[in-house]
Amino acid sequence: MSTTGSTTANVVPVSASTTSASLLTTSNGRRAFIAVNTTGAIAYLRFGSAAATSADYSVAIAAGATYESPIGGYAGPIQVILASGSGTVLVTSW
């Protein structure tokens, strides 16, 4: 793991709903990410390429809450699904 800080960050609004969708694709250069759930529902994240569900997920983000991944953590694909409705999850990765 590099001890040098990143000089770039990508902020992306990701549309989310009650159908599983891609939040982040695999990126070997990704050191970490932050996901901000701007919706009024729980956002379920599933690490891996399988679909996220409310019964099969890695992280649950409460409405209006933020998840910060550990530095040097998982760099594979991540899926997202909402408990209800639709909205946006803001993702910053570096």
Protein backbone atom coordinates (compact mmCIF):
# COMPACT_ATOMS: atom_id res chain seq x y z
CA MET A 1 0.00 0.00 0.00
CA SER A 2 1.29 3.44 -0.93
CA THR A 3 1.78 5.97 1.84
CA THR A 4 1.53 8.84 -0.63
CA GLY A 5 -1.81 10.64 -0.70
CA SER A 6 -3.90 10.73 -3.84
CA THR A 7 -4.08 13.94 -5.83
CA THR A 8 -7.33 13.09 -7.64
CA ALA A 9 -10.81 12.19 -6.52
CA ASN A 10 -13.84 11.37 -8.60
CA VAL A 11 -17.29 12.39 -7.34
CA VAL A 12 -20.13 10.59 -9.10
CA PRO A 13 -23.89 10.72 -8.44
CA VAL A 14 -25.24 7.16 -8.83
CA SER A 15 -28.93 6.56 -9.42
CA ALA A 16 -30.31 3.94 -7.03
CA SER A 17 -33.68 2.26 -6.72
CA THR A 18 -35.27 -1.00 -5.60
CA THR A 19 -33.44 -2.75 -8.44
CA SER A 20 -29.76 -3.62 -7.89
CA ALA A 21 -27.35 -1.41 -9.84
CA SER A 22 -23.61 -0.86 -10.11
CA LEU A 23 -22.22 1.63 -7.60
CA LEU A 24 -18.54 1.16 -8.48
CA THR A 25 -16.73 -1.02 -11.01
CA THR A 26 -13.45 -2.82 -10.35
CA SER A 27 -10.55 -0.40 -10.10
CA ASN A 28 -7.14 -1.71 -9.08
CA GLY A 29 -6.08 1.91 -8.52
CA ARG A 30 -8.87 2.67 -6.06
CA ARG A 31 -7.50 3.28 -2.58
CA ALA A 32 -10.82 4.04 -0.88
CA PHE A 33 -14.31 5.44 -1.41
CA ILE A 34 -17.04 7.35 0.40
CA ALA A 35 -20.74 6.71 -0.28
CA VAL A 36 -23.30 9.29 0.86
CA ASN A 37 -26.89 8.06 0.91
CA THR A 38 -28.92 11.16 0.01
CA THR A 39 -32.19 9.20 -0.10
CA GLY A 40 -34.87 8.69 2.53
CA ALA A 41 -34.38 4.89 2.52
CA ILE A 42 -31.68 2.43 3.59
CA ALA A 43 -29.07 1.84 0.87
CA TYR A 44 -27.63 -1.68 0.83
CA LEU A 45 -24.16 -2.13 -0.69
CA ARG A 46 -22.91 -5.54 -1.77
CA PHE A 47 -19.22 -6.03 -2.47
CA GLY A 48 -18.84 -8.29 -5.52
CA SER A 49 -20.58 -8.67 -8.85
CA ALA A 50 -23.74 -10.41 -7.58
CA ALA A 51 -26.89 -8.31 -7.18
CA ALA A 52 -27.45 -6.52 -3.87
CA THR A 53 -30.61 -7.32 -1.91
CA SER A 54 -31.90 -6.38 1.53
CA ALA A 55 -31.03 -9.94 2.62
CA ASP A 56 -27.65 -10.25 0.83
CA TYR A 57 -25.48 -7.20 1.39
CA SER A 58 -22.12 -6.12 2.81
CA VAL A 59 -22.99 -2.70 4.27
CA ALA A 60 -26.30 -0.97 5.09
CA ILE A 61 -26.24 2.84 4.96
CA ALA A 62 -29.07 4.57 6.81
CA ALA A 63 -31.01 7.36 5.09
CA GLY A 64 -28.85 10.48 5.02
CA ALA A 65 -25.79 8.64 6.35
CA THR A 66 -22.27 8.13 4.99
CA TYR A 67 -20.05 5.06 4.63
CA GLU A 68 -16.27 5.45 4.45
CA SER A 69 -14.27 2.45 3.24
CA PRO A 70 -10.93 1.70 4.85
CA ILE A 71 -7.85 3.00 3.03
CA GLY A 72 -6.32 0.24 0.93
CA GLY A 73 -9.50 -1.81 1.18
CA TYR A 74 -11.68 -3.54 -1.40
CA ALA A 75 -11.17 -2.49 -5.04
CA GLY A 76 -13.67 -4.83 -6.75
CA PRO A 77 -17.18 -4.13 -8.01
CA ILE A 78 -19.88 -2.85 -5.65
CA GLN A 79 -23.66 -3.04 -6.16
CA VAL A 80 -26.36 -0.88 -4.54
CA ILE A 81 -30.09 -1.27 -3.91
CA LEU A 82 -32.54 0.87 -1.89
CA ALA A 83 -35.05 -0.50 0.60
CA SER A 84 -37.72 1.65 -1.10
CA GLY A 85 -38.13 4.40 -3.66
CA SER A 86 -35.36 5.87 -5.76
CA GLY A 87 -32.71 8.53 -5.42
CA THR A 88 -29.01 9.26 -5.56
CA VAL A 89 -25.99 7.89 -3.75
CA LEU A 90 -22.99 10.22 -4.06
CA VAL A 91 -19.73 8.31 -4.44
CA THR A 92 -16.25 9.77 -4.10
CA SER A 93 -13.37 7.45 -4.92
CA TRP A 94 -9.64 7.93 -4.99
